[in-house]
Amino acid sequence: MANMLRVQRYADLIRNRGLRRQGVFRDIADPLDAYDDVDFRSRYWLRRATVMGILGVIRDGIKSGHNGRNQDLTHTLKILLEL
């Protein structure tokens, strides 16, 4: 009986191997809007004005990787992730 269960589980595994899992997309809020000055500084160790200044200088140099297959990160999030 135990062997039959193992065979059944193996057959289910093989059968489901071709199925893709559904992607999970979360709504990503802009940190400049989501946090006040105190929370922003404690979370990212930078002031908002500093991030806004950096964003103003290099915004045009940041690539937008939007290719229709994924949801691209905002420029602000890209800067905060790099810093």
Protein backbone atom coordinates (compact mmCIF):
# COMPACT_ATOMS: atom_id res chain seq x y z
CA MET A 1 0.00 0.00 0.00
CA ALA A 2 2.85 2.39 0.84
CA ASN A 3 4.44 1.71 -2.55
CA MET A 4 1.19 2.61 -4.32
CA LEU A 5 1.10 5.95 -2.51
CA ARG A 6 4.69 6.67 -3.50
CA VAL A 7 3.94 5.83 -7.12
CA GLN A 8 0.85 8.04 -7.05
CA ARG A 9 2.80 10.97 -5.56
CA TYR A 10 5.53 10.53 -8.16
CA ALA A 11 2.96 10.46 -10.96
CA ASP A 12 1.36 13.65 -9.58
CA LEU A 13 4.76 15.31 -9.41
CA ILE A 14 5.57 14.42 -13.03
CA ARG A 15 2.12 15.53 -14.21
CA ASN A 16 2.32 18.91 -12.45
CA ARG A 17 5.89 19.70 -13.46
CA GLY A 18 4.78 21.56 -16.58
CA LEU A 19 2.39 23.84 -14.70
CA ARG A 20 3.59 27.34 -13.88
CA ARG A 21 2.89 29.05 -10.62
CA GLN A 22 0.93 32.26 -10.73
CA GLY A 23 3.11 35.34 -10.19
CA VAL A 24 2.46 37.60 -7.23
CA PHE A 25 2.60 41.32 -7.92
CA ARG A 26 2.53 43.68 -4.99
CA ASP A 27 1.67 47.33 -5.18
CA ILE A 28 4.92 49.12 -4.38
CA ALA A 29 4.42 52.50 -2.77
CA ASP A 30 6.85 55.34 -3.43
CA PRO A 31 8.96 55.72 -0.26
CA LEU A 32 9.00 59.50 -0.65
CA ASP A 33 5.21 59.49 -0.29
CA ALA A 34 4.82 56.58 2.09
CA TYR A 35 7.08 57.78 4.94
CA ASP A 36 7.36 61.02 6.84
CA ASP A 37 10.78 62.65 7.32
CA VAL A 38 11.60 60.83 10.57
CA ASP A 39 10.59 57.37 9.33
CA PHE A 40 12.31 57.92 5.98
CA ARG A 41 15.60 58.84 7.67
CA SER A 42 15.43 55.92 10.12
CA ARG A 43 14.69 53.46 7.33
CA TYR A 44 17.14 54.64 4.65
CA TRP A 45 19.70 56.63 6.72
CA LEU A 46 19.34 59.52 4.29
CA ARG A 47 17.29 62.68 4.29
CA ARG A 48 14.54 63.11 1.75
CA ALA A 49 16.23 66.22 0.35
CA THR A 50 19.39 64.20 -0.30
CA VAL A 51 17.50 61.50 -2.20
CA MET A 52 15.56 64.13 -4.15
CA GLY A 53 18.84 65.86 -5.09
CA ILE A 54 20.42 62.60 -6.26
CA LEU A 55 17.26 61.73 -8.16
CA GLY A 56 17.28 65.13 -9.89
CA VAL A 57 20.90 64.69 -11.01
CA ILE A 58 20.78 61.13 -12.34
CA ARG A 59 17.13 60.58 -13.28
CA ASP A 60 17.85 60.73 -17.02
CA GLY A 61 20.70 58.21 -16.73
CA ILE A 62 18.60 55.50 -15.10
CA LYS A 63 17.34 52.91 -17.55
CA SER A 64 13.74 51.90 -17.57
CA GLY A 65 13.70 48.13 -17.96
CA HIS A 66 10.05 47.99 -18.95
CA ASN A 67 9.72 45.30 -21.56
CA GLY A 68 6.08 44.34 -21.08
CA ARG A 69 6.95 41.26 -19.03
CA ASN A 70 7.45 42.72 -15.60
CA GLN A 71 6.58 45.66 -13.43
CA ASP A 72 9.52 48.00 -13.37
CA LEU A 73 10.74 49.64 -10.16
CA THR A 74 10.43 53.38 -9.81
CA HIS A 75 13.55 55.52 -10.15
CA THR A 76 13.34 56.39 -6.45
CA LEU A 77 13.33 52.74 -5.44
CA LYS A 78 16.27 51.99 -7.72
CA ILE A 79 18.31 54.76 -6.09
CA LEU A 80 17.41 53.65 -2.57
CA LEU A 81 18.28 50.05 -3.35
CA GLU A 82 21.69 51.04 -4.71
CA LEU A 83 22.54 53.32 -1.81
